[in-house]
PDB file of N, CA and C in Angstrom:
ATOM      1  N   MET A   1       0.858  -1.179   0.074  1.00  0.00           N
ATOM      2  CA  MET A   1      -0.018   0.020  -0.001  1.00  0.00           C
ATOM      3  C   MET A   1       0.974   1.319  -0.028  1.00  0.00           C
ATOM      4  N   SER A   2       0.536   2.071  -0.832  1.00  0.00           N
ATOM      5  CA  SER A   2       1.499   3.381  -0.994  1.00  0.00           C
ATOM      6  C   SER A   2       0.385   4.647  -0.809  1.00  0.00           C
ATOM      7  N   VAL A   3       0.847   5.559  -0.050  1.00  0.00           N
ATOM      8  CA  VAL A   3       0.078   6.608   0.258  1.00  0.00           C
ATOM      9  C   VAL A   3       0.946   7.951  -0.195  1.00  0.00           C
ATOM     10  N   ASN A   4       0.337   8.884  -0.937  1.00  0.00           N
ATOM     11  CA  ASN A   4       1.216  10.224  -1.315  1.00  0.00           C
ATOM     12  C   ASN A   4       0.290  11.200  -0.608  1.00  0.00           C
ATOM     13  N   TYR A   5       1.053  11.897   0.241  1.00  0.00           N
ATOM     14  CA  TYR A   5       0.514  13.062   1.196  1.00  0.00           C
ATOM     15  C   TYR A   5       0.733  14.455   0.337  1.00  0.00           C
ATOM     16  N   GLY A   6       0.711  14.381  -0.974  1.00  0.00           N
ATOM     17  CA  GLY A   6       0.764  15.910  -1.589  1.00  0.00           C
ATOM     18  C   GLY A   6       2.157  16.399  -1.914  1.00  0.00           C
ATOM     19  N   SER A   7       3.083  15.560  -1.250  1.00  0.00           N
ATOM     20  CA  SER A   7       4.462  15.965  -1.644  1.00  0.00           C
ATOM     21  C   SER A   7       5.202  14.934  -2.677  1.00  0.00           C
ATOM     22  N   LYS A   8       6.482  15.151  -2.746  1.00  0.00           N
ATOM     23  CA  LYS A   8       7.158  14.159  -3.628  1.00  0.00           C
ATOM     24  C   LYS A   8       7.495  12.925  -2.726  1.00  0.00           C
ATOM     25  N   ARG A   9       7.345  12.825  -1.470  1.00  0.00           N
ATOM     26  CA  ARG A   9       7.440  11.693  -0.454  1.00  0.00           C
ATOM     27  C   ARG A   9       6.433  10.671  -0.397  1.00  0.00           C
ATOM     28  N   THR A  10       6.692   9.526  -0.849  1.00  0.00           N
ATOM     29  CA  THR A  10       5.902   8.538  -0.711  1.00  0.00           C
ATOM     30  C   THR A  10       6.078   7.618   0.234  1.00  0.00           C
ATOM     31  N   VAL A  11       4.886   7.258   1.149  1.00  0.00           N
ATOM     32  CA  VAL A  11       5.202   6.362   2.231  1.00  0.00           C
ATOM     33  C   VAL A  11       4.791   5.072   1.867  1.00  0.00           C
ATOM     34  N   VAL A  12       5.631   4.058   1.967  1.00  0.00           N
ATOM     35  CA  VAL A  12       5.287   2.848   1.648  1.00  0.00           C
ATOM     36  C   VAL A  12       5.198   1.800   2.693  1.00  0.00           C
ATOM     37  N   GLY A  13       4.166   1.202   3.041  1.00  0.00           N
ATOM     38  CA  GLY A  13       3.894   0.147   3.919  1.00  0.00           C
ATOM     39  C   GLY A  13       3.953   0.736   5.431  1.00  0.00           C
ATOM     40  N   ALA A  14       3.766  -0.183   6.382  1.00  0.00           N
ATOM     41  CA  ALA A  14       3.820   0.289   7.963  1.00  0.00           C
ATOM     42  C   ALA A  14       4.843  -0.649   8.628  1.00  0.00           C
ATOM     43  N   HIS A  15       5.482   0.158   9.465  1.00  0.00           N
ATOM     44  CA  HIS A  15       6.481  -0.626  10.361  1.00  0.00           C
ATOM     45  C   HIS A  15       7.740  -1.170   9.711  1.00  0.00           C
ATOM     46  N   TYR A  16       7.870  -0.799   8.491  1.00  0.00           N
ATOM     47  CA  TYR A  16       9.157  -1.385   7.705  1.00  0.00           C
ATOM     48  C   TYR A  16      10.383  -0.848   8.224  1.00  0.00           C
ATOM     49  N   GLY A  17      10.325   0.351   8.668  1.00  0.00           N
ATOM     50  CA  GLY A  17      11.711   1.013   9.152  1.00  0.00           C
ATOM     51  C   GLY A  17      11.888   0.571  10.701  1.00  0.00           C
ATOM     52  N   ILE A  18      10.659   0.312  11.179  1.00  0.00           N
ATOM     53  CA  ILE A  18      10.743  -0.037  12.670  1.00  0.00           C
ATOM     54  C   ILE A  18      11.433  -1.453  12.984  1.00  0.00           C
ATOM     55  N   ARG A  19      11.047  -2.396  12.040  1.00  0.00           N
ATOM     56  CA  ARG A  19      11.522  -3.655  11.915  1.00  0.00           C
ATOM     57  C   ARG A  19      13.006  -3.785  11.699  1.00  0.00           C
ATOM     58  N   ASP A  20      13.329  -3.026  10.757  1.00  0.00           N
ATOM     59  CA  ASP A  20      14.831  -2.978  10.545  1.00  0.00           C
ATOM     60  C   ASP A  20      15.671  -2.353  11.594  1.00  0.00           C
ATOM     61  N   TRP A  21      15.094  -1.268  12.126  1.00  0.00           N
ATOM     62  CA  TRP A  21      15.893  -0.739  13.359  1.00  0.00           C
ATOM     63  C   TRP A  21      15.925  -1.501  14.427  1.00  0.00           C
ATOM     64  N   LEU A  22      15.001  -2.293  14.715  1.00  0.00           N
ATOM     65  CA  LEU A  22      14.985  -3.355  15.807  1.00  0.00           C
ATOM     66  C   LEU A  22      15.856  -4.330  15.730  1.00  0.00           C
ATOM     67  N   VAL A  23      15.843  -5.069  14.291  1.00  0.00           N
ATOM     68  CA  VAL A  23      16.810  -5.873  13.941  1.00  0.00           C
ATOM     69  C   VAL A  23      18.278  -5.496  14.174  1.00  0.00           C
ATOM     70  N   GLN A  24      18.622  -4.313  13.698  1.00  0.00           N
ATOM     71  CA  GLN A  24      19.956  -3.756  13.869  1.00  0.00           C
ATOM     72  C   GLN A  24      20.289  -3.790  15.242  1.00  0.00           C
ATOM     73  N   ARG A  25      19.421  -3.270  16.147  1.00  0.00           N
ATOM     74  CA  ARG A  25      19.722  -3.220  17.669  1.00  0.00           C
ATOM     75  C   ARG A  25      19.954  -4.429  18.186  1.00  0.00           C
ATOM     76  N   VAL A  26      19.003  -5.477  17.915  1.00  0.00           N
ATOM     77  CA  VAL A  26      19.094  -6.922  18.535  1.00  0.00           C
ATOM     78  C   VAL A  26      20.257  -7.649  18.002  1.00  0.00           C
ATOM     79  N   THR A  27      20.646  -7.589  16.787  1.00  0.00           N
ATOM     80  CA  THR A  27      21.833  -8.183  16.274  1.00  0.00           C
ATOM     81  C   THR A  27      22.998  -7.689  16.771  1.00  0.00           C
ATOM     82  N   ALA A  28      23.064  -6.290  16.934  1.00  0.00           N
ATOM     83  CA  ALA A  28      24.244  -5.668  17.501  1.00  0.00           C
ATOM     84  C   ALA A  28      24.571  -6.091  18.849  1.00  0.00           C
ATOM     85  N   VAL A  29      23.385  -6.270  19.800  1.00  0.00           N
ATOM     86  CA  VAL A  29      23.579  -6.739  21.051  1.00  0.00           C
ATOM     87  C   VAL A  29      24.174  -8.071  20.956  1.00  0.00           C
ATOM     88  N   LEU A  30      23.575  -9.044  20.370  1.00  0.00           N
ATOM     89  CA  LEU A  30      24.072 -10.359  20.310  1.00  0.00           C
ATOM     90  C   LEU A  30      25.608 -10.338  19.905  1.00  0.00           C
ATOM     91  N   ILE A  31      25.948  -9.705  18.803  1.00  0.00           N
ATOM     92  CA  ILE A  31      27.330  -9.673  18.377  1.00  0.00           C
ATOM     93  C   ILE A  31      28.341  -9.076  19.439  1.00  0.00           C
ATOM     94  N   VAL A  32      27.781  -8.048  20.166  1.00  0.00           N
ATOM     95  CA  VAL A  32      28.564  -7.471  21.317  1.00  0.00           C
ATOM     96  C   VAL A  32      28.726  -8.466  22.483  1.00  0.00           C
ATOM     97  N   LEU A  33      27.699  -9.233  22.816  1.00  0.00           N
ATOM     98  CA  LEU A  33      27.787 -10.083  23.977  1.00  0.00           C
ATOM     99  C   LEU A  33      28.773 -11.234  23.575  1.00  0.00           C
ATOM    100  N   PHE A  34      28.512 -11.806  22.330  1.00  0.00           N
ATOM    101  CA  PHE A  34      29.499 -12.740  21.925  1.00  0.00           C
ATOM    102  C   PHE A  34      30.920 -12.460  21.791  1.00  0.00           C
ATOM    103  N   THR A  35      31.122 -11.358  21.358  1.00  0.00           N
ATOM    104  CA  THR A  35      32.537 -10.884  21.409  1.00  0.00           C
ATOM    105  C   THR A  35      33.225 -10.680  22.892  1.00  0.00           C
ATOM    106  N   VAL A  36      32.336 -10.276  23.707  1.00  0.00           N
ATOM    107  CA  VAL A  36      32.773 -10.074  25.229  1.00  0.00           C
ATOM    108  C   VAL A  36      32.954 -11.361  25.711  1.00  0.00           C
ATOM    109  N   VAL A  37      32.209 -12.405  25.436  1.00  0.00           N
ATOM    110  CA  VAL A  37      32.463 -13.708  25.914  1.00  0.00           C
ATOM    111  C   VAL A  37      33.647 -14.488  25.434  1.00  0.00           C
ATOM    112  N   VAL A  38      33.863 -14.257  24.153  1.00  0.00           N
ATOM    113  CA  VAL A  38      35.131 -14.734  23.567  1.00  0.00           C
ATOM    114  C   VAL A  38      36.384 -14.204  24.040  1.00  0.00           C
ATOM    115  N   LEU A  39      36.262 -12.754  24.080  1.00  0.00           N
ATOM    116  CA  LEU A  39      37.476 -11.938  24.753  1.00  0.00           C
ATOM    117  C   LEU A  39      37.732 -12.524  26.161  1.00  0.00           C
ATOM    118  N   ALA A  40      36.578 -12.670  26.951  1.00  0.00           N
ATOM    119  CA  ALA A  40      36.814 -13.109  28.365  1.00  0.00           C
ATOM    120  C   ALA A  40      37.725 -14.408  28.326  1.00  0.00           C
ATOM    121  N   GLN A  41      37.102 -15.328  27.432  1.00  0.00           N
ATOM    122  CA  GLN A  41      37.895 -16.640  27.521  1.00  0.00           C
ATOM    123  C   GLN A  41      39.243 -16.479  26.988  1.00  0.00           C
ATOM    124  N   LEU A  42      39.577 -15.442  26.263  1.00  0.00           N
ATOM    125  CA  LEU A  42      41.074 -15.421  25.897  1.00  0.00           C
ATOM    126  C   LEU A  42      41.728 -14.776  26.918  1.00  0.00           C
ATOM    127  N   VAL A  43      41.193 -13.625  27.610  1.00  0.00           N
ATOM    128  CA  VAL A  43      41.932 -13.005  28.604  1.00  0.00           C
ATOM    129  C   VAL A  43      42.019 -13.792  29.862  1.00  0.00           C
ATOM    130  N   PHE A  44      41.184 -14.687  30.190  1.00  0.00           N
ATOM    131  CA  PHE A  44      41.353 -15.438  31.496  1.00  0.00           C
ATOM    132  C   PHE A  44      41.764 -16.902  31.333  1.00  0.00           C
ATOM    133  N   SER A  45      42.275 -17.129  29.908  1.00  0.00           N
ATOM    134  CA  SER A  45      43.030 -18.417  29.545  1.00  0.00           C
ATOM    135  C   SER A  45      44.336 -18.543  30.166  1.00  0.00           C
ATOM    136  N   GLN A  46      44.672 -19.915  30.355  1.00  0.00           N
ATOM    137  CA  GLN A  46      45.962 -20.158  30.925  1.00  0.00           C
ATOM    138  C   GLN A  46      47.044 -20.404  29.590  1.00  0.00           C
ATOM    139  N   GLY A  47      47.992 -19.949  29.584  1.00  0.00           N
ATOM    140  CA  GLY A  47      48.951 -20.412  28.389  1.00  0.00           C
ATOM    141  C   GLY A  47      48.909 -19.314  27.345  1.00  0.00           C
ATOM    142  N   PRO A  48      49.699 -19.524  26.296  1.00  0.00           N
ATOM    143  CA  PRO A  48      49.697 -18.575  25.125  1.00  0.00           C
ATOM    144  C   PRO A  48      48.386 -18.760  24.234  1.00  0.00           C
ATOM    145  N   ILE A  49      48.223 -17.708  23.573  1.00  0.00           N
ATOM    146  CA  ILE A  49      46.912 -17.702  22.570  1.00  0.00           C
ATOM    147  C   ILE A  49      47.460 -18.253  21.409  1.00  0.00           C
ATOM    148  N   GLY A  50      46.884 -19.388  20.830  1.00  0.00           N
ATOM    149  CA  GLY A  50      47.355 -20.028  19.770  1.00  0.00           C
ATOM    150  C   GLY A  50      46.323 -20.870  18.993  1.00  0.00           C
ATOM    151  N   TYR A  51      46.626 -21.747  18.131  1.00  0.00           N
ATOM    152  CA  TYR A  51      45.575 -22.454  17.431  1.00  0.00           C
ATOM    153  C   TYR A  51      44.753 -23.508  18.466  1.00  0.00           C
ATOM    154  N   ASP A  52      45.533 -24.289  19.502  1.00  0.00           N
ATOM    155  CA  ASP A  52      44.966 -25.000  20.592  1.00  0.00           C
ATOM    156  C   ASP A  52      43.937 -24.124  21.340  1.00  0.00           C
ATOM    157  N   LEU A  53      44.123 -22.880  21.698  1.00  0.00           N
ATOM    158  CA  LEU A  53      43.214 -22.242  22.520  1.00  0.00           C
ATOM    159  C   LEU A  53      42.045 -21.974  21.816  1.00  0.00           C
ATOM    160  N   TRP A  54      42.137 -21.362  20.469  1.00  0.00           N
ATOM    161  CA  TRP A  54      41.116 -21.016  19.707  1.00  0.00           C
ATOM    162  C   TRP A  54      40.119 -22.423  19.425  1.00  0.00           C
ATOM    163  N   ALA A  55      40.959 -23.446  19.133  1.00  0.00           N
ATOM    164  CA  ALA A  55      40.119 -24.571  18.800  1.00  0.00           C
ATOM    165  C   ALA A  55      39.369 -25.136  19.956  1.00  0.00           C
ATOM    166  N   GLY A  56      40.097 -24.845  21.221  1.00  0.00           N
ATOM    167  CA  GLY A  56      39.374 -25.220  22.547  1.00  0.00           C
ATOM    168  C   GLY A  56      38.098 -24.568  22.683  1.00  0.00           C
ATOM    169  N   ILE A  57      38.216 -23.300  22.378  1.00  0.00           N
ATOM    170  CA  ILE A  57      36.988 -22.313  22.538  1.00  0.00           C
ATOM    171  C   ILE A  57      35.894 -22.903  21.869  1.00  0.00           C
ATOM    172  N   PHE A  58      36.081 -23.211  20.694  1.00  0.00           N
ATOM    173  CA  PHE A  58      35.004 -23.589  19.666  1.00  0.00           C
ATOM    174  C   PHE A  58      34.695 -24.993  19.439  1.00  0.00           C
ATOM    175  N   ALA A  59      35.397 -25.966  20.282  1.00  0.00           N
ATOM    176  CA  ALA A  59      35.108 -27.235  20.244  1.00  0.00           C
ATOM    177  C   ALA A  59      33.892 -27.671  20.631  1.00  0.00           C
ATOM    178  N   ALA A  60      33.308 -27.127  21.762  1.00  0.00           N
ATOM    179  CA  ALA A  60      32.135 -27.716  22.119  1.00  0.00           C
ATOM    180  C   ALA A  60      30.742 -27.290  21.213  1.00  0.00           C
ATOM    181  N   GLN A  61      30.001 -28.364  20.983  1.00  0.00           N
ATOM    182  CA  GLN A  61      28.861 -28.249  20.027  1.00  0.00           C
ATOM    183  C   GLN A  61      27.986 -27.026  20.251  1.00  0.00           C
ATOM    184  N   TRP A  62      27.735 -26.790  21.504  1.00  0.00           N
ATOM    185  CA  TRP A  62      26.925 -25.728  21.833  1.00  0.00           C
ATOM    186  C   TRP A  62      27.609 -24.207  21.427  1.00  0.00           C
ATOM    187  N   MET A  63      28.810 -24.133  21.498  1.00  0.00           N
ATOM    188  CA  MET A  63      29.651 -23.015  21.104  1.00  0.00           C
ATOM    189  C   MET A  63      29.639 -22.865  19.505  1.00  0.00           C
ATOM    190  N   LYS A  64      29.688 -24.034  18.900  1.00  0.00           N
ATOM    191  CA  LYS A  64      29.405 -23.840  17.394  1.00  0.00           C
ATOM    192  C   LYS A  64      28.297 -23.406  17.069  1.00  0.00           C
ATOM    193  N   PHE A  65      27.082 -23.860  17.593  1.00  0.00           N
ATOM    194  CA  PHE A  65      25.846 -23.362  17.398  1.00  0.00           C
ATOM    195  C   PHE A  65      25.681 -22.050  17.605  1.00  0.00           C
ATOM    196  N   VAL A  66      26.091 -21.481  18.776  1.00  0.00           N
ATOM    197  CA  VAL A  66      26.085 -20.182  19.132  1.00  0.00           C
ATOM    198  C   VAL A  66      26.737 -19.293  18.239  1.00  0.00           C
ATOM    199  N   THR A  67      28.000 -19.777  17.881  1.00  0.00           N
ATOM    200  CA  THR A  67      28.862 -19.037  16.917  1.00  0.00           C
ATOM    201  C   THR A  67      28.099 -18.878  15.601  1.00  0.00           C
ATOM    202  N   PHE A  68      27.541 -19.952  15.120  1.00  0.00           N
ATOM    203  CA  PHE A  68      26.744 -19.818  13.816  1.00  0.00           C
ATOM    204  C   PHE A  68      25.669 -18.891  13.815  1.00  0.00           C
ATOM    205  N   GLY A  69      25.111 -19.051  14.899  1.00  0.00           N
ATOM    206  CA  GLY A  69      23.852 -18.057  15.263  1.00  0.00           C
ATOM    207  C   GLY A  69      24.499 -16.501  15.034  1.00  0.00           C
ATOM    208  N   VAL A  70      25.481 -16.231  15.714  1.00  0.00           N
ATOM    209  CA  VAL A  70      26.108 -15.051  15.601  1.00  0.00           C
ATOM    210  C   VAL A  70      26.519 -14.779  14.375  1.00  0.00           C
ATOM    211  N   ILE A  71      27.075 -15.625  13.580  1.00  0.00           N
ATOM    212  CA  ILE A  71      27.396 -15.431  12.074  1.00  0.00           C
ATOM    213  C   ILE A  71      26.246 -14.952  11.239  1.00  0.00           C
ATOM    214  N   ILE A  72      25.090 -15.674  11.379  1.00  0.00           N
ATOM    215  CA  ILE A  72      23.792 -15.343  10.875  1.00  0.00           C
ATOM    216  C   ILE A  72      23.195 -13.960  11.377  1.00  0.00           C
ATOM    217  N   ALA A  73      23.477 -13.586  12.485  1.00  0.00           N
ATOM    218  CA  ALA A  73      22.967 -12.252  12.946  1.00  0.00           C
ATOM    219  C   ALA A  73      23.927 -11.211  12.362  1.00  0.00           C
ATOM    220  N   LEU A  74      25.249 -11.396  12.231  1.00  0.00           N
ATOM    221  CA  LEU A  74      26.153 -10.509  11.654  1.00  0.00           C
ATOM    222  C   LEU A  74      25.777 -10.367  10.160  1.00  0.00           C
ATOM    223  N   ALA A  75      25.397 -11.533   9.359  1.00  0.00           N
ATOM    224  CA  ALA A  75      25.158 -11.171   8.017  1.00  0.00           C
ATOM    225  C   ALA A  75      23.828 -10.429   8.036  1.00  0.00           C
ATOM    226  N   TRP A  76      22.835 -10.713   8.810  1.00  0.00           N
ATOM    227  CA  TRP A  76      21.575  -9.847   8.839  1.00  0.00           C
ATOM    228  C   TRP A  76      21.836  -8.566   9.016  1.00  0.00           C
ATOM    229  N   HIS A  77      22.767  -8.150   9.913  1.00  0.00           N
ATOM    230  CA  HIS A  77      23.024  -6.877  10.437  1.00  0.00           C
ATOM    231  C   HIS A  77      23.782  -6.196   9.282  1.00  0.00           C
ATOM    232  N   VAL A  78      24.712  -6.778   8.640  1.00  0.00           N
ATOM    233  CA  VAL A  78      25.332  -6.342   7.451  1.00  0.00           C
ATOM    234  C   VAL A  78      24.479  -5.981   6.221  1.00  0.00           C
ATOM    235  N   TRP A  79      23.400  -6.959   5.977  1.00  0.00           N
ATOM    236  CA  TRP A  79      22.452  -6.898   4.767  1.00  0.00           C
ATOM    237  C   TRP A  79      21.762  -5.630   5.043  1.00  0.00           C
ATOM    238  N   ILE A  80      21.161  -5.433   6.371  1.00  0.00           N
ATOM    239  CA  ILE A  80      20.279  -4.202   6.475  1.00  0.00           C
ATOM    240  C   ILE A  80      21.260  -3.029   6.172  1.00  0.00           C
ATOM    241  N   GLY A  81      22.361  -2.961   6.790  1.00  0.00           N
ATOM    242  CA  GLY A  81      22.991  -1.623   6.554  1.00  0.00           C
ATOM    243  C   GLY A  81      23.583  -1.428   5.167  1.00  0.00           C
ATOM    244  N   VAL A  82      24.090  -2.248   4.512  1.00  0.00           N
ATOM    245  CA  VAL A  82      24.505  -2.236   3.117  1.00  0.00           C
ATOM    246  C   VAL A  82      23.419  -2.189   2.200  1.00  0.00           C
ATOM    247  N   ARG A  83      22.298  -2.808   2.314  1.00  0.00           N
ATOM    248  CA  ARG A  83      21.148  -2.578   1.515  1.00  0.00           C
ATOM    249  C   ARG A  83      20.633  -1.010   1.628  1.00  0.00           C
ATOM    250  N   ASP A  84      20.603  -0.523   2.833  1.00  0.00           N
ATOM    251  CA  ASP A  84      20.133   0.782   3.048  1.00  0.00           C
ATOM    252  C   ASP A  84      21.150   1.697   2.247  1.00  0.00           C
ATOM    253  N   ILE A  85      22.386   1.488   2.161  1.00  0.00           N
ATOM    254  CA  ILE A  85      23.461   2.351   1.563  1.00  0.00           C
ATOM    255  C   ILE A  85      23.149   2.177   0.127  1.00  0.00           C
ATOM    256  N   TRP A  86      22.798   1.043  -0.448  1.00  0.00           N
ATOM    257  CA  TRP A  86      22.740   0.851  -1.856  1.00  0.00           C
ATOM    258  C   TRP A  86      21.288   1.507  -2.233  1.00  0.00           C
ATOM    259  N   MET A  87      20.230   1.547  -1.422  1.00  0.00           N
ATOM    260  CA  MET A  87      19.013   2.181  -1.690  1.00  0.00           C
ATOM    261  C   MET A  87      19.185   3.755  -1.671  1.00  0.00           C
ATOM    262  N   ASP A  88      20.044   4.181  -0.750  1.00  0.00           N
ATOM    263  CA  ASP A  88      20.070   5.771  -0.446  1.00  0.00           C
ATOM    264  C   ASP A  88      20.991   6.412  -1.523  1.00  0.00           C
ATOM    265  N   TYR A  89      22.052   5.824  -1.879  1.00  0.00           N
ATOM    266  CA  TYR A  89      23.098   6.245  -2.837  1.00  0.00           C
ATOM    267  C   TYR A  89      23.283   5.781  -4.252  1.00  0.00           C
ATOM    268  N   VAL A  90      22.737   4.757  -4.561  1.00  0.00           N
ATOM    269  CA  VAL A  90      22.906   4.199  -5.932  1.00  0.00           C
ATOM    270  C   VAL A  90      21.473   4.407  -6.536  1.00  0.00           C
ATOM    271  N   LYS A  91      21.552   5.401  -7.349  1.00  0.00           N
ATOM    272  CA  LYS A  91      20.217   5.630  -8.029  1.00  0.00           C
ATOM    273  C   LYS A  91      19.816   4.941  -9.178  1.00  0.00           C
ATOM    274  N   PRO A  92      20.593   4.322 -10.213  1.00  0.00           N
ATOM    275  CA  PRO A  92      20.289   3.513 -11.187  1.00  0.00           C
ATOM    276  C   PRO A  92      19.789   2.206 -10.788  1.00  0.00           C
ATOM    277  N   VAL A  93      18.444   1.788 -11.059  1.00  0.00           N
ATOM    278  CA  VAL A  93      17.854   0.619 -10.684  1.00  0.00           C
ATOM    279  C   VAL A  93      18.721  -0.607 -10.956  1.00  0.00           C
ATOM    280  N   GLY A  94      18.970  -0.807 -12.014  1.00  0.00           N
ATOM    281  CA  GLY A  94      19.820  -1.886 -12.461  1.00  0.00           C
ATOM    282  C   GLY A  94      21.094  -2.109 -11.772  1.00  0.00           C
ATOM    283  N   LEU A  95      21.870  -1.057 -11.525  1.00  0.00           N
ATOM    284  CA  LEU A  95      23.195  -1.124 -10.722  1.00  0.00           C
ATOM    285  C   LEU A  95      22.708  -1.558  -9.389  1.00  0.00           C
ATOM    286  N   ARG A  96      21.705  -0.761  -8.609  1.00  0.00           N
ATOM    287  CA  ARG A  96      21.349  -0.968  -7.233  1.00  0.00           C
ATOM    288  C   ARG A  96      20.907  -2.580  -7.055  1.00  0.00           C
ATOM    289  N   LEU A  97      20.251  -3.081  -8.153  1.00  0.00           N
ATOM    290  CA  LEU A  97      19.785  -4.445  -8.050  1.00  0.00           C
ATOM    291  C   LEU A  97      21.085  -5.575  -8.196  1.00  0.00           C
ATOM    292  N   ALA A  98      21.889  -5.077  -8.861  1.00  0.00           N
ATOM    293  CA  ALA A  98      23.133  -5.883  -9.266  1.00  0.00           C
ATOM    294  C   ALA A  98      24.043  -5.886  -7.904  1.00  0.00           C
ATOM    295  N   LEU A  99      24.046  -4.722  -7.275  1.00  0.00           N
ATOM    296  CA  LEU A  99      24.826  -4.584  -5.997  1.00  0.00           C
ATOM    297  C   LEU A  99      24.251  -5.451  -4.922  1.00  0.00           C
ATOM    298  N   GLN A 100      22.856  -5.328  -4.864  1.00  0.00           N
ATOM    299  CA  GLN A 100      22.148  -6.058  -3.807  1.00  0.00           C
ATOM    300  C   GLN A 100      22.243  -7.521  -3.999  1.00  0.00           C
ATOM    301  N   VAL A 101      22.193  -8.001  -5.304  1.00  0.00           N
ATOM    302  CA  VAL A 101      22.305  -9.453  -5.548  1.00  0.00           C
ATOM    303  C   VAL A 101      23.859  -9.728  -5.023  1.00  0.00           C
ATOM    304  N   PHE A 102      24.890  -9.115  -5.621  1.00  0.00           N
ATOM    305  CA  PHE A 102      26.095  -9.484  -5.154  1.00  0.00           C
ATOM    306  C   PHE A 102      26.377  -9.455  -3.609  1.00  0.00           C
ATOM    307  N   THR A 103      25.720  -8.519  -2.896  1.00  0.00           N
ATOM    308  CA  THR A 103      25.816  -8.488  -1.467  1.00  0.00           C
ATOM    309  C   THR A 103      25.146  -9.680  -0.812  1.00  0.00           C
ATOM    310  N   ILE A 104      24.114 -10.134  -1.427  1.00  0.00           N
ATOM    311  CA  ILE A 104      23.495 -11.327  -0.785  1.00  0.00           C
ATOM    312  C   ILE A 104      24.279 -12.607  -1.052  1.00  0.00           C
ATOM    313  N   VAL A 105      24.688 -12.805  -2.331  1.00  0.00           N
ATOM    314  CA  VAL A 105      25.531 -13.944  -2.651  1.00  0.00           C
ATOM    315  C   VAL A 105      26.869 -13.854  -1.690  1.00  0.00           C
ATOM    316  N   TRP A 106      27.378 -12.755  -1.467  1.00  0.00           N
ATOM    317  CA  TRP A 106      28.697 -12.573  -0.755  1.00  0.00           C
ATOM    318  C   TRP A 106      28.278 -12.948   0.572  1.00  0.00           C
ATOM    319  N   LEU A 107      27.304 -12.633   1.105  1.00  0.00           N
ATOM    320  CA  LEU A 107      26.881 -12.803   2.606  1.00  0.00           C
ATOM    321  C   LEU A 107      26.558 -14.243   2.859  1.00  0.00           C
ATOM    322  N   VAL A 108      25.823 -14.769   1.908  1.00  0.00           N
ATOM    323  CA  VAL A 108      25.469 -16.118   2.029  1.00  0.00           C
ATOM    324  C   VAL A 108      26.746 -17.085   1.973  1.00  0.00           C
ATOM    325  N   GLY A 109      27.703 -16.630   1.070  1.00  0.00           N
ATOM    326  CA  GLY A 109      28.962 -17.332   0.995  1.00  0.00           C
ATOM    327  C   GLY A 109      29.843 -17.240   2.273  1.00  0.00           C
ATOM    328  N   CYS A 110      29.879 -16.077   2.752  1.00  0.00           N
ATOM    329  CA  CYS A 110      30.665 -15.864   4.127  1.00  0.00           C
ATOM    330  C   CYS A 110      30.091 -16.736   5.235  1.00  0.00           C
ATOM    331  N   ALA A 111      28.740 -16.678   5.240  1.00  0.00           N
ATOM    332  CA  ALA A 111      27.988 -17.648   6.212  1.00  0.00           C
ATOM    333  C   ALA A 111      28.316 -19.028   5.958  1.00  0.00           C
ATOM    334  N   GLY A 112      28.426 -19.562   4.704  1.00  0.00           N
ATOM    335  CA  GLY A 112      28.781 -20.919   4.389  1.00  0.00           C
ATOM    336  C   GLY A 112      30.093 -21.280   4.865  1.00  0.00           C
ATOM    337  N   TRP A 113      30.906 -20.339   4.483  1.00  0.00           N
ATOM    338  CA  TRP A 113      32.293 -20.522   4.845  1.00  0.00           C
ATOM    339  C   TRP A 113      32.531 -20.604   6.394  1.00  0.00           C
ATOM    340  N   GLY A 114      31.951 -19.868   7.138  1.00  0.00           N
ATOM    341  CA  GLY A 114      31.978 -19.965   8.554  1.00  0.00           C
ATOM    342  C   GLY A 114      31.466 -21.148   9.052  1.00  0.00           C
ATOM    343  N   PHE A 115      30.423 -21.640   8.482  1.00  0.00           N
ATOM    344  CA  PHE A 115      29.887 -23.014   8.864  1.00  0.00           C
ATOM    345  C   PHE A 115      30.894 -24.125   8.681  1.00  0.00           C
ATOM    346  N   GLN A 116      31.489 -23.945   7.498  1.00  0.00           N
ATOM    347  CA  GLN A 116      32.617 -25.101   7.134  1.00  0.00           C
ATOM    348  C   GLN A 116      33.692 -24.956   8.046  1.00  0.00           C
ATOM    349  N   VAL A 117      34.218 -23.740   8.462  1.00  0.00           N
ATOM    350  CA  VAL A 117      35.273 -23.586   9.496  1.00  0.00           C
ATOM    351  C   VAL A 117      34.889 -24.109  10.714  1.00  0.00           C
ATOM    352  N   LEU A 118      33.765 -23.858  11.315  1.00  0.00           N
ATOM    353  CA  LEU A 118      33.396 -24.239  12.413  1.00  0.00           C
ATOM    354  C   LEU A 118      33.055 -25.540  12.621  1.00  0.00           C
ATOM    355  N   TRP A 119      32.712 -26.425  11.478  1.00  0.00           N
ATOM    356  CA  TRP A 119      32.551 -27.906  11.815  1.00  0.00           C
ATOM    357  C   TRP A 119      33.714 -28.687  11.354  1.00  0.00           C
ATOM    358  N   ARG A 120      34.677 -27.904  10.877  1.00  0.00           N
ATOM    359  CA  ARG A 120      35.882 -28.759  10.432  1.00  0.00           C
ATOM    360  C   ARG A 120      36.971 -28.711  11.682  1.00  0.00           C
ATOM    361  N   LEU A 121      36.598 -27.933  12.676  1.00  0.00           N
ATOM    362  CA  LEU A 121      37.736 -27.883  13.878  1.00  0.00           C
ATOM    363  C   LEU A 121      37.610 -29.284  14.410  1.00  0.00           C
TER     364      LEU A 121
END
């Protein structure tokens, strides 16, 4: 549904911006909490920081699932931000669509690579 209030501004849909705003905040909080937990494990660990410590942090199955959830949250967070940049600053529709498709493919590839790395440990 599109409403035109007599100006050049067209309002499309309801709550679209609120949902994206909320998703950005929730995913940011998840990313920060995860980062704090991982940094705390590094700071309070015994011994040198190396492959064994990193592998130990991510060895537990629950940590792999939490990490993959954060990777998905990060991809969603990035998608909203980059999509808004493309919509605000790239005016040619074809170029904007191409950039959006490239961004989606890149983010799905990054998430897939993260999944592969996590379950290869």
